[in-house]
Amino acid sequence: MKELEVLLNSRWVLKSKDKELYYRIRDSLSELRKFTTEKMGCQIIDNSLLIKMEKIPVIPETFMGIQRFSSKEEYAYLCMLLMFLEDRDPQEQFILSQLTEYISASLPGELSDWTLYTNRRKLIRVLRYAQEQSIIGVTDGRDDVFMDDEAGEVLYENTGISRYFMRTFPKDIMDYQNPEDFRESEWFEVDEDRGFARRHRVYKRIIFAPGMYREDGSPEDFEYLKYYGRRLSGELEQMFDCHVHIYRGCAFLMAGEDLRMGAVFPGSNSISDILLLCFEEIRKKIESGKWQTGPDEMCYVDRIEFENMIHEVKRKYGSGFSKMFREMPEGEFARSVLEEMKLWMAARSETGADQIVICPIVGKMQGNYPEDYTGGMNK
């Protein structure tokens, strides 16, 4: 079902950007809603501007954030932008200084000190992201002028779709006390471990994330897979070009060549190749008994030993890496590999923790160079 793949792969489908696709999906809405509502618990919003499927994850993961952002301040600026646009009509224009004045009035203090280059750069990053998402458009001017000087101006236009960016909540979020309240708000007054709530969770976890692990979330989710896993696999494999693999402590949706549903690993980039080589080394260590897996199928490794493994991969195969990774200092290289593994749910670690947790998804694939490859080895 290609229309469903499009909704899963996109934030939204805008009529103004692709009218043919918009109408094609709209014609399929009754069939799409039958699956998204019954199986996933995801609502589809459709109006004269856009069609959007609300993709609210069961367990928030690192990769689910806005990868363009690198700080909490940028998320704060994005929220301020959405609040600013909420009081403006579609196609209404505004200048950048109106937005900065609004932020200064709402967030007094260092965050609204526009004499700081870092603040201006972060705000421009947010505005460029908003342009990419078609939330705003540039009518006149260049944003890099503001990056260089706080007096720089840009004329923007509100497209009117910003109000559909955020999800709606069943309760006033001002009553929430901690981040977990946002996760639980979808299931207020519902028995989460029974009936449709459990089914929704399992389908979302399989579709929205690279891996589903028993130790995460409710243990009832794997009870569902125990009894209904074959039905779930058959349904998803019939709808998408994929294979669903279910094990005792983990489950994965393995994408086929024709599936277009989010980012896919391995990608056509150097870091994917490096991860595949690391996965092979990890697998060798586990199979040889040097590294042990626990009852949860996770492998707990000392951080220094883990980093030494990464350094060894670079020494053996580094000449085959791109220039950036070949010349990268060892410490930065190890951090880059670990962070990428975290994004793909292949590893976990707490800042400053002495152990790295290697997840079962590492065993699903590996890579190696030809046997006669000796480029990075001592001669």
Protein backbone atom coordinates (compact mmCIF):
# COMPACT_ATOMS: atom_id res chain seq x y z
CA MET A 1 0.00 0.00 0.00
CA LYS A 2 2.13 2.86 -1.32
CA GLU A 3 -0.17 5.58 0.02
CA LEU A 4 0.39 4.31 3.56
CA GLU A 5 4.14 4.24 2.97
CA VAL A 6 3.98 7.89 1.93
CA LEU A 7 2.17 8.89 5.13
CA LEU A 8 4.62 6.90 7.24
CA ASN A 9 7.58 8.40 5.42
CA SER A 10 6.44 12.03 5.51
CA ARG A 11 5.38 14.52 8.13
CA TRP A 12 2.47 15.42 5.90
CA VAL A 13 1.38 15.62 2.25
CA LEU A 14 0.60 19.19 1.21
CA LYS A 15 -1.92 19.91 -1.49
CA SER A 16 0.07 22.97 -2.55
CA LYS A 17 3.23 20.88 -3.10
CA ASP A 18 1.86 17.73 -4.77
CA LYS A 19 -1.78 17.96 -5.74
CA GLU A 20 -1.82 14.61 -7.56
CA LEU A 21 -0.42 12.71 -4.57
CA TYR A 22 -2.73 14.59 -2.20
CA TYR A 23 -5.84 13.48 -4.11
CA ARG A 24 -4.55 9.94 -4.57
CA ILE A 25 -4.12 9.55 -0.82
CA ARG A 26 -7.44 11.24 -0.14
CA ASP A 27 -9.20 8.72 -2.37
CA SER A 28 -7.64 5.91 -0.30
CA LEU A 29 -8.43 7.35 3.13
CA SER A 30 -11.22 4.95 4.06
CA GLU A 31 -8.95 1.94 3.50
CA LEU A 32 -5.97 3.63 5.13
CA ARG A 33 -7.92 4.60 8.23
CA LYS A 34 -9.13 1.06 8.69
CA PHE A 35 -5.53 -0.04 9.24
CA THR A 36 -4.04 3.00 10.98
CA THR A 37 -6.91 3.35 13.46
CA GLU A 38 -7.62 -0.30 14.19
CA LYS A 39 -4.05 -1.64 14.25
CA MET A 40 -1.88 1.35 15.16
CA GLY A 41 -4.21 3.76 16.90
CA CYS A 42 -2.93 6.57 14.64
CA GLN A 43 -5.37 9.22 13.52
CA ILE A 44 -5.25 10.69 10.01
CA ILE A 45 -5.92 14.41 9.66
CA ASP A 46 -7.20 15.57 6.29
CA ASN A 47 -8.39 18.98 5.18
CA SER A 48 -8.09 21.32 2.23
CA LEU A 49 -4.42 22.01 3.05
CA LEU A 50 -2.88 18.67 3.89
CA ILE A 51 -3.15 15.02 4.88
CA LYS A 52 -1.17 13.90 7.91
CA MET A 53 -0.94 10.75 9.97
CA GLU A 54 -0.25 11.37 13.65
CA LYS A 55 2.80 9.19 14.40
CA ILE A 56 3.04 9.20 18.19
CA PRO A 57 5.67 6.69 19.35
CA VAL A 58 5.20 4.32 22.26
CA ILE A 59 8.78 4.79 23.46
CA PRO A 60 10.62 7.97 22.43
CA GLU A 61 14.02 7.19 20.96
CA THR A 62 17.01 9.38 20.15
CA PHE A 63 16.53 9.14 16.39
CA MET A 64 12.96 10.44 16.66
CA GLY A 65 14.14 13.97 17.37
CA ILE A 66 14.80 16.61 14.74
CA GLN A 67 18.27 15.59 13.59
CA ARG A 68 18.95 19.09 12.29
CA PHE A 69 18.78 20.41 15.86
CA SER A 70 21.71 20.04 18.24
CA SER A 71 20.44 21.81 21.37
CA LYS A 72 17.40 22.19 23.61
CA GLU A 73 17.33 25.90 22.80
CA GLU A 74 16.41 25.15 19.19
CA TYR A 75 13.36 23.18 20.32
CA ALA A 76 12.40 26.13 22.53
CA TYR A 77 12.71 28.51 19.57
CA LEU A 78 10.59 26.16 17.45
CA CYS A 79 7.83 26.16 20.07
CA MET A 80 7.99 29.96 20.24
CA LEU A 81 7.71 30.16 16.45
CA LEU A 82 4.62 27.93 16.47
CA MET A 83 3.04 30.07 19.21
CA PHE A 84 3.89 33.21 17.25
CA LEU A 85 2.26 31.86 14.08
CA GLU A 86 -0.84 30.67 15.91
CA ASP A 87 -2.11 34.26 16.15
CA ARG A 88 -1.52 34.99 12.48
CA ASP A 89 -3.71 34.31 9.48
CA PRO A 90 -2.60 32.15 6.54
CA GLN A 91 -0.54 34.14 4.00
CA GLU A 92 0.01 36.89 6.57
CA GLN A 93 3.51 38.33 6.36
CA PHE A 94 5.85 39.25 9.17
CA ILE A 95 9.42 40.41 9.56
CA LEU A 96 12.08 38.66 11.57
CA SER A 97 12.32 41.41 14.19
CA GLN A 98 8.64 40.83 15.08
CA LEU A 99 9.49 37.23 15.91
CA THR A 100 12.62 38.09 17.90
CA GLU A 101 10.66 40.72 19.89
CA TYR A 102 7.97 38.11 20.63
CA ILE A 103 10.60 35.63 21.82
CA SER A 104 12.28 38.31 23.95
CA ALA A 105 8.96 39.12 25.63
CA SER A 106 8.15 35.44 26.21
CA LEU A 107 11.62 34.15 27.09
CA PRO A 108 13.49 36.97 28.83
CA GLY A 109 17.10 36.26 29.63
CA GLU A 110 20.05 34.77 27.80
CA LEU A 111 17.91 32.85 25.29
CA SER A 112 16.64 36.12 23.83
CA ASP A 113 19.97 37.93 23.80
CA TRP A 114 20.31 38.49 20.06
CA THR A 115 23.73 40.07 20.43
CA LEU A 116 24.98 36.50 20.90
CA TYR A 117 25.93 34.90 17.59
CA THR A 118 25.10 31.41 18.90
CA ASN A 119 21.49 32.45 19.59
CA ARG A 120 21.09 34.00 16.15
CA ARG A 121 22.55 30.91 14.51
CA LYS A 122 20.21 28.59 16.42
CA LEU A 123 17.15 30.67 15.54
CA ILE A 124 18.09 30.70 11.86
CA ARG A 125 18.52 26.93 11.96
CA VAL A 126 14.98 26.66 13.31
CA LEU A 127 13.61 29.04 10.68
CA ARG A 128 15.30 27.12 7.89
CA TYR A 129 13.81 23.90 9.21
CA ALA A 130 10.39 25.59 9.27
CA GLN A 131 10.90 26.58 5.63
CA GLU A 132 11.78 23.00 4.69
CA GLN A 133 8.57 21.82 6.36
CA SER A 134 6.61 24.55 4.49
CA ILE A 135 5.49 26.12 7.76
CA ILE A 136 6.80 29.49 6.59
CA GLY A 137 8.10 30.90 3.34
CA VAL A 138 10.66 33.62 2.61
CA THR A 139 9.19 36.56 0.73
CA ASP A 140 12.19 38.88 0.73
CA GLY A 141 15.69 39.01 2.19
CA ARG A 142 18.36 36.51 3.28
CA ASP A 143 18.58 34.99 6.73
CA ASP A 144 22.38 34.96 6.74
CA VAL A 145 22.23 38.75 7.09
CA PHE A 146 20.66 38.28 10.53
CA MET A 147 23.25 35.61 11.29
CA ASP A 148 25.95 38.28 10.82
CA ASP A 149 24.09 41.19 12.41
CA GLU A 150 21.19 41.26 14.87
CA ALA A 151 19.66 44.17 12.92
CA GLY A 152 19.31 42.07 9.76
CA GLU A 153 15.74 41.65 8.48
CA VAL A 154 13.90 38.99 6.51
CA LEU A 155 10.29 39.09 5.32
CA TYR A 156 8.44 35.80 5.92
CA GLU A 157 4.98 34.51 5.13
CA ASN A 158 2.86 32.24 7.31
CA THR A 159 1.55 29.35 5.21
CA GLY A 160 -1.17 28.43 7.71
CA ILE A 161 -0.14 24.83 8.35
CA SER A 162 1.84 25.45 11.54
CA ARG A 163 -1.23 24.63 13.64
CA TYR A 164 -1.04 21.02 12.42
CA PHE A 165 2.62 20.55 13.37
CA MET A 166 2.04 19.65 17.02
CA ARG A 167 -0.17 16.80 18.18
CA THR A 168 -3.30 17.43 20.20
CA PHE A 169 -3.53 16.26 23.81
CA PRO A 170 -6.58 14.90 25.65
CA LYS A 171 -5.74 16.95 28.75
CA ASP A 172 -4.32 20.35 29.55
CA ILE A 173 -0.56 19.82 29.39
CA MET A 174 -0.08 22.48 32.06
CA ASP A 175 -1.16 19.77 34.50
CA TYR A 176 1.67 17.45 33.44
CA GLN A 177 4.48 17.14 35.98
CA ASN A 178 7.17 15.19 34.10
CA PRO A 179 8.03 13.94 30.58
CA GLU A 180 6.40 10.55 31.22
CA ASP A 181 3.00 12.27 31.42
CA PHE A 182 3.22 13.02 27.70
CA ARG A 183 3.80 9.33 26.95
CA GLU A 184 0.96 8.21 29.17
CA SER A 185 -1.56 10.82 28.02
CA GLU A 186 -2.66 8.64 25.11
CA TRP A 187 -3.84 5.93 27.51
CA PHE A 188 -5.54 7.79 30.35
CA GLU A 189 -8.29 5.66 31.86
CA VAL A 190 -7.42 2.73 29.57
CA ASP A 191 -6.06 -0.67 30.60
CA GLU A 192 -2.82 -0.50 28.65
CA ASP A 193 -2.02 -4.19 28.88
CA ARG A 194 -5.24 -5.46 27.37
CA GLY A 195 -7.20 -5.20 24.13
CA PHE A 196 -6.67 -2.52 21.53
CA ALA A 197 -4.15 -0.50 23.59
CA ARG A 198 -1.69 -3.39 23.60
CA ARG A 199 -2.25 -4.07 19.90
CA HIS A 200 -1.62 -0.41 19.06
CA ARG A 201 1.61 -0.42 21.05
CA VAL A 202 2.99 -3.54 19.37
CA TYR A 203 2.26 -2.38 15.82
CA LYS A 204 3.75 1.04 16.53
CA ARG A 205 6.87 -0.38 18.10
CA ILE A 206 7.45 -2.73 15.15
CA ILE A 207 6.80 -0.08 12.48
CA PHE A 208 8.24 3.07 14.05
CA ALA A 209 11.59 1.79 15.34
CA PRO A 210 14.51 -0.33 14.06
CA GLY A 211 14.04 -2.83 16.86
CA MET A 212 11.62 -3.88 19.58
CA TYR A 213 13.18 -5.20 22.80
CA ARG A 214 11.52 -7.11 25.61
CA GLU A 215 13.16 -5.04 28.32
CA ASP A 216 11.59 -1.83 26.97
CA GLY A 217 7.99 -0.96 27.69
CA SER A 218 5.37 -3.39 28.88
CA PRO A 219 6.16 -7.14 29.10
CA GLU A 220 2.62 -7.70 27.82
CA ASP A 221 3.77 -6.58 24.37
CA PHE A 222 5.79 -9.76 23.87
CA GLU A 223 2.90 -11.82 25.17
CA TYR A 224 0.90 -10.34 22.29
CA LEU A 225 3.64 -11.37 19.84
CA LYS A 226 3.65 -14.86 21.33
CA TYR A 227 0.00 -15.39 20.45
CA TYR A 228 -0.56 -13.07 17.50
CA GLY A 229 2.93 -12.62 16.04
CA ARG A 230 2.27 -14.84 13.02
CA ARG A 231 -0.86 -12.88 12.14
CA LEU A 232 0.97 -9.58 12.57
CA SER A 233 3.87 -10.75 10.40
CA GLY A 234 1.60 -11.99 7.65
CA GLU A 235 -0.37 -8.75 7.62
CA LEU A 236 2.66 -6.45 7.48
CA GLU A 237 4.48 -8.61 4.91
CA GLN A 238 1.40 -8.56 2.70
CA MET A 239 1.10 -4.77 2.93
CA PHE A 240 4.78 -3.85 2.66
CA ASP A 241 7.93 -5.20 1.05
CA CYS A 242 9.34 -6.44 4.33
CA HIS A 243 9.95 -9.43 6.60
CA VAL A 244 9.11 -9.46 10.30
CA HIS A 245 11.52 -11.41 12.50
CA ILE A 246 10.32 -12.27 16.02
CA TYR A 247 12.56 -13.78 18.69
CA ARG A 248 12.30 -14.47 22.40
CA GLY A 249 13.52 -11.05 23.46
CA CYS A 250 13.38 -8.88 20.35
CA ALA A 251 11.54 -8.29 17.09
CA PHE A 252 12.47 -6.49 13.87
CA LEU A 253 10.89 -5.31 10.65
CA MET A 254 13.45 -5.94 7.90
CA ALA A 255 12.82 -3.70 4.90
CA GLY A 256 12.91 -4.99 1.34
CA GLU A 257 14.37 -3.09 -1.61
CA ASP A 258 11.04 -1.50 -2.56
CA LEU A 259 10.02 -0.30 0.90
CA ARG A 260 10.11 3.48 1.38
CA MET A 261 9.25 4.01 5.02
CA GLY A 262 11.73 6.21 6.85
CA ALA A 263 15.49 5.89 6.91
CA VAL A 264 16.94 2.45 6.18
CA PHE A 265 20.09 0.81 7.47
CA PRO A 266 22.58 0.31 5.99
CA GLY A 267 22.53 3.53 4.04
CA SER A 268 24.79 4.49 1.18
CA ASN A 269 27.26 6.34 3.41
CA SER A 270 30.60 5.69 5.08
CA ILE A 271 29.29 5.50 8.64
CA SER A 272 26.98 2.62 7.68
CA ASP A 273 29.95 0.71 6.29
CA ILE A 274 31.90 1.34 9.49
CA LEU A 275 29.02 0.11 11.64
CA LEU A 276 28.73 -3.08 9.59
CA LEU A 277 32.42 -3.77 10.15
CA CYS A 278 32.00 -3.13 13.88
CA PHE A 279 28.99 -5.43 13.98
CA GLU A 280 31.09 -8.22 12.52
CA GLU A 281 33.78 -7.74 15.19
CA ILE A 282 31.13 -7.70 17.93
CA ARG A 283 29.59 -10.88 16.62
CA LYS A 284 32.99 -12.62 16.56
CA LYS A 285 33.63 -11.65 20.18
CA ILE A 286 30.23 -12.94 21.28
CA GLU A 287 30.51 -16.20 19.33
CA SER A 288 34.01 -16.81 20.73
CA GLY A 289 32.79 -16.24 24.27
CA LYS A 290 34.95 -13.17 24.92
CA TRP A 291 31.82 -11.07 25.33
CA GLN A 292 28.76 -12.52 27.04
CA THR A 293 25.06 -11.84 26.46
CA GLY A 294 22.58 -11.82 29.32
CA PRO A 295 19.10 -13.36 29.62
CA ASP A 296 17.71 -10.23 27.95
CA GLU A 297 19.98 -10.92 24.92
CA MET A 298 21.86 -7.69 25.62
CA CYS A 299 25.65 -7.66 25.77
CA TYR A 300 27.23 -5.54 28.52
CA VAL A 301 30.77 -4.40 27.72
CA ASP A 302 33.26 -2.19 29.51
CA ARG A 303 33.41 1.19 27.74
CA ILE A 304 37.19 1.10 27.29
CA GLU A 305 37.04 -2.41 25.83
CA PHE A 306 34.26 -1.32 23.48
CA GLU A 307 36.24 1.70 22.30
CA ASN A 308 39.33 -0.45 21.78
CA MET A 309 37.26 -2.66 19.48
CA ILE A 310 36.28 0.41 17.43
CA HIS A 311 39.90 1.58 17.26
CA GLU A 312 40.93 -1.88 16.06
CA VAL A 313 38.35 -1.74 13.27
CA LYS A 314 39.78 1.58 12.16
CA ARG A 315 43.35 0.24 12.22
CA LYS A 316 42.37 -2.81 10.15
CA TYR A 317 40.09 -1.16 7.62
CA GLY A 318 40.69 2.58 7.95
CA SER A 319 42.28 3.02 4.52
CA GLY A 320 38.92 2.10 3.01
CA PHE A 321 37.06 4.84 4.91
CA SER A 322 36.22 8.26 3.56
CA LYS A 323 38.80 11.01 4.18
CA MET A 324 36.80 12.52 7.05
CA PHE A 325 36.82 9.27 9.03
CA ARG A 326 40.40 8.37 8.07
CA GLU A 327 41.71 11.63 9.50
CA MET A 328 39.37 11.81 12.49
CA PRO A 329 41.12 11.51 15.90
CA GLU A 330 40.54 8.16 17.61
CA GLY A 331 38.45 9.59 20.46
CA GLU A 332 36.16 11.49 18.12
CA PHE A 333 35.92 8.48 15.81
CA ALA A 334 34.81 6.20 18.67
CA ARG A 335 32.22 8.76 19.80
CA SER A 336 30.85 9.13 16.26
CA VAL A 337 30.47 5.37 15.86
CA LEU A 338 28.79 4.99 19.26
CA GLU A 339 26.36 7.85 18.58
CA GLU A 340 25.40 6.34 15.23
CA MET A 341 24.85 2.97 16.90
CA LYS A 342 22.58 4.67 19.42
CA LEU A 343 20.55 6.23 16.62
CA TRP A 344 19.92 2.77 15.17
CA MET A 345 19.16 1.24 18.59
CA ALA A 346 22.25 -0.95 18.28
CA ALA A 347 23.86 0.35 21.48
CA ARG A 348 22.99 2.25 24.63
CA SER A 349 25.01 4.16 27.18
CA GLU A 350 24.60 6.82 29.79
CA THR A 351 26.92 9.81 29.74
CA GLY A 352 29.94 8.94 31.84
CA ALA A 353 28.78 5.35 32.39
CA ASP A 354 31.44 2.65 32.53
CA GLN A 355 29.45 0.15 30.44
CA ILE A 356 28.09 0.05 26.90
CA VAL A 357 25.00 -2.03 26.22
CA ILE A 358 25.06 -3.75 22.82
CA CYS A 359 21.58 -4.57 21.55
CA PRO A 360 20.48 -7.70 19.62
CA ILE A 361 19.95 -5.81 16.36
CA VAL A 362 23.75 -5.94 15.92
CA GLY A 363 23.41 -9.65 15.15
CA LYS A 364 21.03 -9.08 12.24
CA MET A 365 23.67 -7.91 9.77
CA GLN A 366 27.39 -7.48 9.40
CA GLY A 367 29.93 -6.48 6.79
CA ASN A 368 33.47 -7.25 5.79
CA TYR A 369 36.03 -6.43 3.16
CA PRO A 370 37.39 -9.11 0.77
CA GLU A 371 39.72 -11.65 2.36
CA ASP A 372 42.71 -10.28 0.43
CA TYR A 373 42.15 -6.74 1.72
CA THR A 374 45.25 -5.57 3.65
CA GLY A 375 45.00 -1.81 3.18
CA GLY A 376 44.94 -0.80 6.82
CA MET A 377 47.06 -3.54 8.37
CA ASN A 378 50.71 -3.32 9.36
CA LYS A 379 53.06 -4.95 6.89
